[in-house]
Amino acid sequence: MSGLKILTEEQRREMLHDARDAARRAAFAAAQRLSQEGSIDDYIDFLSENMDLVGPSQLRVHVTVNFRL
């Protein structure tokens, strides 16, 4: 299982519509550039502020017997 979600036809159409729209494409590019500007301290602050939103973690034990990729 890869963890990827399968998109619905509507989601695919929306993504293609956004990709073809120059203004939306520019907005996504600007948001990506802005998200890359932060420092490691900003990232740690963000994680610290939002830890309560994640909830408690639970350890899972998974025994591997097949070591092939």
PDB file of N, CA and C in Angstrom:
ATOM      1  N   MET A   1       0.845  -1.175   0.000  1.00  0.00           N
ATOM      2  CA  MET A   1       0.000   0.000   0.000  1.00  0.00           C
ATOM      3  C   MET A   1       0.890   1.237   0.000  1.00  0.00           C
ATOM      4  N   SER A   2       0.683   2.130  -0.943  1.00  0.00           N
ATOM      5  CA  SER A   2       1.549   3.289  -1.104  1.00  0.00           C
ATOM      6  C   SER A   2       1.132   4.479  -0.239  1.00  0.00           C
ATOM      7  N   GLY A   3      -0.073   4.508   0.233  1.00  0.00           N
ATOM      8  CA  GLY A   3      -0.551   5.625   1.031  1.00  0.00           C
ATOM      9  C   GLY A   3      -1.138   6.753   0.194  1.00  0.00           C
ATOM     10  N   LEU A   4      -1.108   6.622  -1.126  1.00  0.00           N
ATOM     11  CA  LEU A   4      -1.665   7.646  -1.992  1.00  0.00           C
ATOM     12  C   LEU A   4      -3.184   7.504  -2.073  1.00  0.00           C
ATOM     13  N   LYS A   5      -3.860   8.644  -2.054  1.00  0.00           N
ATOM     14  CA  LYS A   5      -5.304   8.625  -2.206  1.00  0.00           C
ATOM     15  C   LYS A   5      -5.642   8.623  -3.686  1.00  0.00           C
ATOM     16  N   ILE A   6      -6.675   7.923  -4.050  1.00  0.00           N
ATOM     17  CA  ILE A   6      -7.154   7.935  -5.421  1.00  0.00           C
ATOM     18  C   ILE A   6      -8.110   9.109  -5.558  1.00  0.00           C
ATOM     19  N   LEU A   7      -7.823   9.965  -6.536  1.00  0.00           N
ATOM     20  CA  LEU A   7      -8.645  11.155  -6.731  1.00  0.00           C
ATOM     21  C   LEU A   7      -9.934  10.812  -7.469  1.00  0.00           C
ATOM     22  N   THR A   8     -10.970  11.539  -7.121  1.00  0.00           N
ATOM     23  CA  THR A   8     -12.225  11.400  -7.849  1.00  0.00           C
ATOM     24  C   THR A   8     -12.101  12.160  -9.173  1.00  0.00           C
ATOM     25  N   GLU A   9     -13.020  11.914 -10.078  1.00  0.00           N
ATOM     26  CA  GLU A   9     -13.005  12.626 -11.359  1.00  0.00           C
ATOM     27  C   GLU A   9     -13.158  14.127 -11.150  1.00  0.00           C
ATOM     28  N   GLU A  10     -13.985  14.512 -10.191  1.00  0.00           N
ATOM     29  CA  GLU A  10     -14.175  15.936  -9.907  1.00  0.00           C
ATOM     30  C   GLU A  10     -12.876  16.570  -9.413  1.00  0.00           C
ATOM     31  N   GLN A  11     -12.151  15.886  -8.527  1.00  0.00           N
ATOM     32  CA  GLN A  11     -10.882  16.405  -8.031  1.00  0.00           C
ATOM     33  C   GLN A  11      -9.865  16.531  -9.160  1.00  0.00           C
ATOM     34  N   ARG A  12      -9.844  15.562 -10.058  1.00  0.00           N
ATOM     35  CA  ARG A  12      -8.935  15.634 -11.209  1.00  0.00           C
ATOM     36  C   ARG A  12      -9.264  16.830 -12.095  1.00  0.00           C
ATOM     37  N   ARG A  13     -10.538  17.040 -12.352  1.00  0.00           N
ATOM     38  CA  ARG A  13     -10.943  18.189 -13.177  1.00  0.00           C
ATOM     39  C   ARG A  13     -10.541  19.504 -12.503  1.00  0.00           C
ATOM     40  N   GLU A  14     -10.735  19.587 -11.185  1.00  0.00           N
ATOM     41  CA  GLU A  14     -10.365  20.805 -10.460  1.00  0.00           C
ATOM     42  C   GLU A  14      -8.866  21.051 -10.537  1.00  0.00           C
ATOM     43  N   MET A  15      -8.080  19.993 -10.385  1.00  0.00           N
ATOM     44  CA  MET A  15      -6.627  20.146 -10.454  1.00  0.00           C
ATOM     45  C   MET A  15      -6.183  20.589 -11.845  1.00  0.00           C
ATOM     46  N   LEU A  16      -6.761  20.000 -12.876  1.00  0.00           N
ATOM     47  CA  LEU A  16      -6.416  20.397 -14.237  1.00  0.00           C
ATOM     48  C   LEU A  16      -6.850  21.836 -14.513  1.00  0.00           C
ATOM     49  N   HIS A  17      -8.010  22.220 -14.015  1.00  0.00           N
ATOM     50  CA  HIS A  17      -8.492  23.595 -14.174  1.00  0.00           C
ATOM     51  C   HIS A  17      -7.529  24.572 -13.507  1.00  0.00           C
ATOM     52  N   ASP A  18      -7.083  24.253 -12.280  1.00  0.00           N
ATOM     53  CA  ASP A  18      -6.122  25.104 -11.580  1.00  0.00           C
ATOM     54  C   ASP A  18      -4.797  25.178 -12.339  1.00  0.00           C
ATOM     55  N   ALA A  19      -4.355  24.064 -12.897  1.00  0.00           N
ATOM     56  CA  ALA A  19      -3.077  24.033 -13.607  1.00  0.00           C
ATOM     57  C   ALA A  19      -3.119  24.873 -14.881  1.00  0.00           C
ATOM     58  N   ARG A  20      -4.263  24.944 -15.511  1.00  0.00           N
ATOM     59  CA  ARG A  20      -4.388  25.703 -16.762  1.00  0.00           C
ATOM     60  C   ARG A  20      -4.611  27.201 -16.529  1.00  0.00           C
ATOM     61  N   ASP A  21      -5.051  27.568 -15.336  1.00  0.00           N
ATOM     62  CA  ASP A  21      -5.321  28.966 -15.009  1.00  0.00           C
ATOM     63  C   ASP A  21      -4.020  29.640 -14.561  1.00  0.00           C
ATOM     64  N   ALA A  22      -3.550  30.621 -15.313  1.00  0.00           N
ATOM     65  CA  ALA A  22      -2.267  31.276 -15.026  1.00  0.00           C
ATOM     66  C   ALA A  22      -2.273  31.963 -13.660  1.00  0.00           C
ATOM     67  N   ALA A  23      -3.388  32.582 -13.297  1.00  0.00           N
ATOM     68  CA  ALA A  23      -3.461  33.278 -12.011  1.00  0.00           C
ATOM     69  C   ALA A  23      -3.377  32.282 -10.855  1.00  0.00           C
ATOM     70  N   ARG A  24      -4.091  31.160 -10.960  1.00  0.00           N
ATOM     71  CA  ARG A  24      -4.032  30.136  -9.902  1.00  0.00           C
ATOM     72  C   ARG A  24      -2.647  29.517  -9.826  1.00  0.00           C
ATOM     73  N   ARG A  25      -2.039  29.269 -10.997  1.00  0.00           N
ATOM     74  CA  ARG A  25      -0.690  28.690 -11.031  1.00  0.00           C
ATOM     75  C   ARG A  25       0.286  29.634 -10.336  1.00  0.00           C
ATOM     76  N   ALA A  26       0.167  30.944 -10.603  1.00  0.00           N
ATOM     77  CA  ALA A  26       1.036  31.928  -9.959  1.00  0.00           C
ATOM     78  C   ALA A  26       0.792  31.974  -8.447  1.00  0.00           C
ATOM     79  N   ALA A  27      -0.474  31.840  -8.036  1.00  0.00           N
ATOM     80  CA  ALA A  27      -0.788  31.852  -6.601  1.00  0.00           C
ATOM     81  C   ALA A  27      -0.174  30.641  -5.901  1.00  0.00           C
ATOM     82  N   PHE A  28      -0.266  29.469  -6.534  1.00  0.00           N
ATOM     83  CA  PHE A  28       0.346  28.275  -5.945  1.00  0.00           C
ATOM     84  C   PHE A  28       1.865  28.420  -5.871  1.00  0.00           C
ATOM     85  N   ALA A  29       2.480  28.970  -6.923  1.00  0.00           N
ATOM     86  CA  ALA A  29       3.936  29.154  -6.934  1.00  0.00           C
ATOM     87  C   ALA A  29       4.359  30.141  -5.844  1.00  0.00           C
ATOM     88  N   ALA A  30       3.596  31.226  -5.668  1.00  0.00           N
ATOM     89  CA  ALA A  30       3.907  32.208  -4.624  1.00  0.00           C
ATOM     90  C   ALA A  30       3.772  31.588  -3.241  1.00  0.00           C
ATOM     91  N   ALA A  31       2.741  30.782  -3.035  1.00  0.00           N
ATOM     92  CA  ALA A  31       2.563  30.119  -1.736  1.00  0.00           C
ATOM     93  C   ALA A  31       3.697  29.147  -1.462  1.00  0.00           C
ATOM     94  N   GLN A  32       4.152  28.446  -2.487  1.00  0.00           N
ATOM     95  CA  GLN A  32       5.259  27.514  -2.297  1.00  0.00           C
ATOM     96  C   GLN A  32       6.540  28.268  -1.957  1.00  0.00           C
ATOM     97  N   ARG A  33       6.821  29.372  -2.666  1.00  0.00           N
ATOM     98  CA  ARG A  33       8.018  30.166  -2.357  1.00  0.00           C
ATOM     99  C   ARG A  33       7.952  30.708  -0.930  1.00  0.00           C
ATOM    100  N   LEU A  34       6.786  31.195  -0.535  1.00  0.00           N
ATOM    101  CA  LEU A  34       6.620  31.746   0.808  1.00  0.00           C
ATOM    102  C   LEU A  34       6.840  30.671   1.866  1.00  0.00           C
ATOM    103  N   SER A  35       6.357  29.458   1.605  1.00  0.00           N
ATOM    104  CA  SER A  35       6.519  28.384   2.582  1.00  0.00           C
ATOM    105  C   SER A  35       7.974  27.947   2.710  1.00  0.00           C
ATOM    106  N   GLN A  36       8.783  28.190   1.690  1.00  0.00           N
ATOM    107  CA  GLN A  36      10.184  27.787   1.703  1.00  0.00           C
ATOM    108  C   GLN A  36      11.079  28.820   2.387  1.00  0.00           C
ATOM    109  N   GLU A  37      10.562  30.015   2.672  1.00  0.00           N
ATOM    110  CA  GLU A  37      11.376  31.096   3.202  1.00  0.00           C
ATOM    111  C   GLU A  37      11.663  30.978   4.693  1.00  0.00           C
ATOM    112  N   GLY A  38      10.925  30.197   5.413  1.00  0.00           N
ATOM    113  CA  GLY A  38      11.096  30.106   6.857  1.00  0.00           C
ATOM    114  C   GLY A  38      12.393  29.426   7.256  1.00  0.00           C
ATOM    115  N   SER A  39      12.842  29.710   8.461  1.00  0.00           N
ATOM    116  CA  SER A  39      14.054  29.093   8.994  1.00  0.00           C
ATOM    117  C   SER A  39      13.675  27.843   9.792  1.00  0.00           C
ATOM    118  N   ILE A  40      14.675  27.124  10.231  1.00  0.00           N
ATOM    119  CA  ILE A  40      14.420  25.932  11.049  1.00  0.00           C
ATOM    120  C   ILE A  40      13.772  26.333  12.376  1.00  0.00           C
ATOM    121  N   ASP A  41      14.104  27.504  12.885  1.00  0.00           N
ATOM    122  CA  ASP A  41      13.474  27.981  14.123  1.00  0.00           C
ATOM    123  C   ASP A  41      11.984  28.240  13.919  1.00  0.00           C
ATOM    124  N   ASP A  42      11.623  28.796  12.767  1.00  0.00           N
ATOM    125  CA  ASP A  42      10.205  28.998  12.453  1.00  0.00           C
ATOM    126  C   ASP A  42       9.471  27.666  12.397  1.00  0.00           C
ATOM    127  N   TYR A  43      10.109  26.673  11.791  1.00  0.00           N
ATOM    128  CA  TYR A  43       9.498  25.346  11.671  1.00  0.00           C
ATOM    129  C   TYR A  43       9.305  24.706  13.042  1.00  0.00           C
ATOM    130  N   ILE A  44      10.299  24.806  13.896  1.00  0.00           N
ATOM    131  CA  ILE A  44      10.194  24.243  15.251  1.00  0.00           C
ATOM    132  C   ILE A  44       9.107  24.965  16.040  1.00  0.00           C
ATOM    133  N   ASP A  45       9.029  26.288  15.892  1.00  0.00           N
ATOM    134  CA  ASP A  45       7.961  27.042  16.558  1.00  0.00           C
ATOM    135  C   ASP A  45       6.586  26.584  16.068  1.00  0.00           C
ATOM    136  N   PHE A  46       6.454  26.391  14.766  1.00  0.00           N
ATOM    137  CA  PHE A  46       5.192  25.926  14.202  1.00  0.00           C
ATOM    138  C   PHE A  46       4.813  24.564  14.778  1.00  0.00           C
ATOM    139  N   LEU A  47       5.767  23.639  14.822  1.00  0.00           N
ATOM    140  CA  LEU A  47       5.482  22.318  15.377  1.00  0.00           C
ATOM    141  C   LEU A  47       5.108  22.394  16.852  1.00  0.00           C
ATOM    142  N   SER A  48       5.823  23.215  17.603  1.00  0.00           N
ATOM    143  CA  SER A  48       5.548  23.345  19.034  1.00  0.00           C
ATOM    144  C   SER A  48       4.159  23.910  19.291  1.00  0.00           C
ATOM    145  N   GLU A  49       3.755  24.892  18.479  1.00  0.00           N
ATOM    146  CA  GLU A  49       2.449  25.508  18.669  1.00  0.00           C
ATOM    147  C   GLU A  49       1.302  24.576  18.309  1.00  0.00           C
ATOM    148  N   ASN A  50       1.540  23.604  17.455  1.00  0.00           N
ATOM    149  CA  ASN A  50       0.466  22.755  16.958  1.00  0.00           C
ATOM    150  C   ASN A  50       0.513  21.321  17.472  1.00  0.00           C
ATOM    151  N   MET A  51       1.338  21.050  18.456  1.00  0.00           N
ATOM    152  CA  MET A  51       1.442  19.686  18.978  1.00  0.00           C
ATOM    153  C   MET A  51       0.140  19.202  19.593  1.00  0.00           C
ATOM    154  N   ASP A  52      -0.621  20.095  20.195  1.00  0.00           N
ATOM    155  CA  ASP A  52      -1.869  19.680  20.836  1.00  0.00           C
ATOM    156  C   ASP A  52      -2.941  19.283  19.826  1.00  0.00           C
ATOM    157  N   LEU A  53      -2.791  19.685  18.569  1.00  0.00           N
ATOM    158  CA  LEU A  53      -3.761  19.330  17.537  1.00  0.00           C
ATOM    159  C   LEU A  53      -3.597  17.907  17.036  1.00  0.00           C
ATOM    160  N   VAL A  54      -2.431  17.331  17.248  1.00  0.00           N
ATOM    161  CA  VAL A  54      -2.129  16.001  16.718  1.00  0.00           C
ATOM    162  C   VAL A  54      -2.773  14.912  17.557  1.00  0.00           C
ATOM    163  N   GLY A  55      -2.746  15.055  18.838  1.00  0.00           N
ATOM    164  CA  GLY A  55      -3.304  14.029  19.715  1.00  0.00           C
ATOM    165  C   GLY A  55      -2.229  13.066  20.174  1.00  0.00           C
ATOM    166  N   PRO A  56      -2.606  12.137  21.037  1.00  0.00           N
ATOM    167  CA  PRO A  56      -1.609  11.210  21.571  1.00  0.00           C
ATOM    168  C   PRO A  56      -1.125  10.227  20.495  1.00  0.00           C
ATOM    169  N   SER A  57       0.131   9.887  20.594  1.00  0.00           N
ATOM    170  CA  SER A  57       0.675   8.917  19.641  1.00  0.00           C
ATOM    171  C   SER A  57       0.670   7.533  20.277  1.00  0.00           C
ATOM    172  N   GLN A  58       0.552   6.528  19.433  1.00  0.00           N
ATOM    173  CA  GLN A  58       0.562   5.153  19.905  1.00  0.00           C
ATOM    174  C   GLN A  58       1.607   4.391  19.116  1.00  0.00           C
ATOM    175  N   LEU A  59       2.429   3.649  19.834  1.00  0.00           N
ATOM    176  CA  LEU A  59       3.447   2.852  19.175  1.00  0.00           C
ATOM    177  C   LEU A  59       2.821   1.617  18.553  1.00  0.00           C
ATOM    178  N   ARG A  60       3.290   1.265  17.375  1.00  0.00           N
ATOM    179  CA  ARG A  60       2.836   0.053  16.711  1.00  0.00           C
ATOM    180  C   ARG A  60       4.041  -0.839  16.480  1.00  0.00           C
ATOM    181  N   VAL A  61       3.914  -2.082  16.820  1.00  0.00           N
ATOM    182  CA  VAL A  61       4.986  -3.042  16.603  1.00  0.00           C
ATOM    183  C   VAL A  61       4.705  -3.781  15.310  1.00  0.00           C
ATOM    184  N   HIS A  62       5.690  -3.771  14.427  1.00  0.00           N
ATOM    185  CA  HIS A  62       5.549  -4.472  13.158  1.00  0.00           C
ATOM    186  C   HIS A  62       6.800  -5.348  12.977  1.00  0.00           C
ATOM    187  N   VAL A  63       6.620  -6.630  13.044  1.00  0.00           N
ATOM    188  CA  VAL A  63       7.731  -7.558  12.889  1.00  0.00           C
ATOM    189  C   VAL A  63       7.898  -7.858  11.409  1.00  0.00           C
ATOM    190  N   THR A  64       9.112  -7.592  10.912  1.00  0.00           N
ATOM    191  CA  THR A  64       9.391  -7.812   9.493  1.00  0.00           C
ATOM    192  C   THR A  64      10.109  -9.145   9.323  1.00  0.00           C
ATOM    193  N   VAL A  65       9.543  -9.976   8.479  1.00  0.00           N
ATOM    194  CA  VAL A  65      10.192 -11.257   8.207  1.00  0.00           C
ATOM    195  C   VAL A  65      10.678 -11.334   6.753  1.00  0.00           C
ATOM    196  N   ASN A  66      10.188 -10.429   5.920  1.00  0.00           N
ATOM    197  CA  ASN A  66      10.561 -10.419   4.517  1.00  0.00           C
ATOM    198  C   ASN A  66      11.343  -9.136   4.278  1.00  0.00           C
ATOM    199  N   PHE A  67      12.642  -9.241   4.039  1.00  0.00           N
ATOM    200  CA  PHE A  67      13.493  -8.060   3.961  1.00  0.00           C
ATOM    201  C   PHE A  67      13.688  -7.565   2.530  1.00  0.00           C
ATOM    202  N   ARG A  68      12.886  -8.028   1.612  1.00  0.00           N
ATOM    203  CA  ARG A  68      12.992  -7.551   0.237  1.00  0.00           C
ATOM    204  C   ARG A  68      12.341  -6.195   0.104  1.00  0.00           C
ATOM    205  N   LEU A  69      12.816  -5.416  -0.858  1.00  0.00           N
ATOM    206  CA  LEU A  69      12.222  -4.100  -1.106  1.00  0.00           C
ATOM    207  C   LEU A  69      11.001  -4.206  -1.961  1.00  0.00           C
TER     208      LEU A  69
END
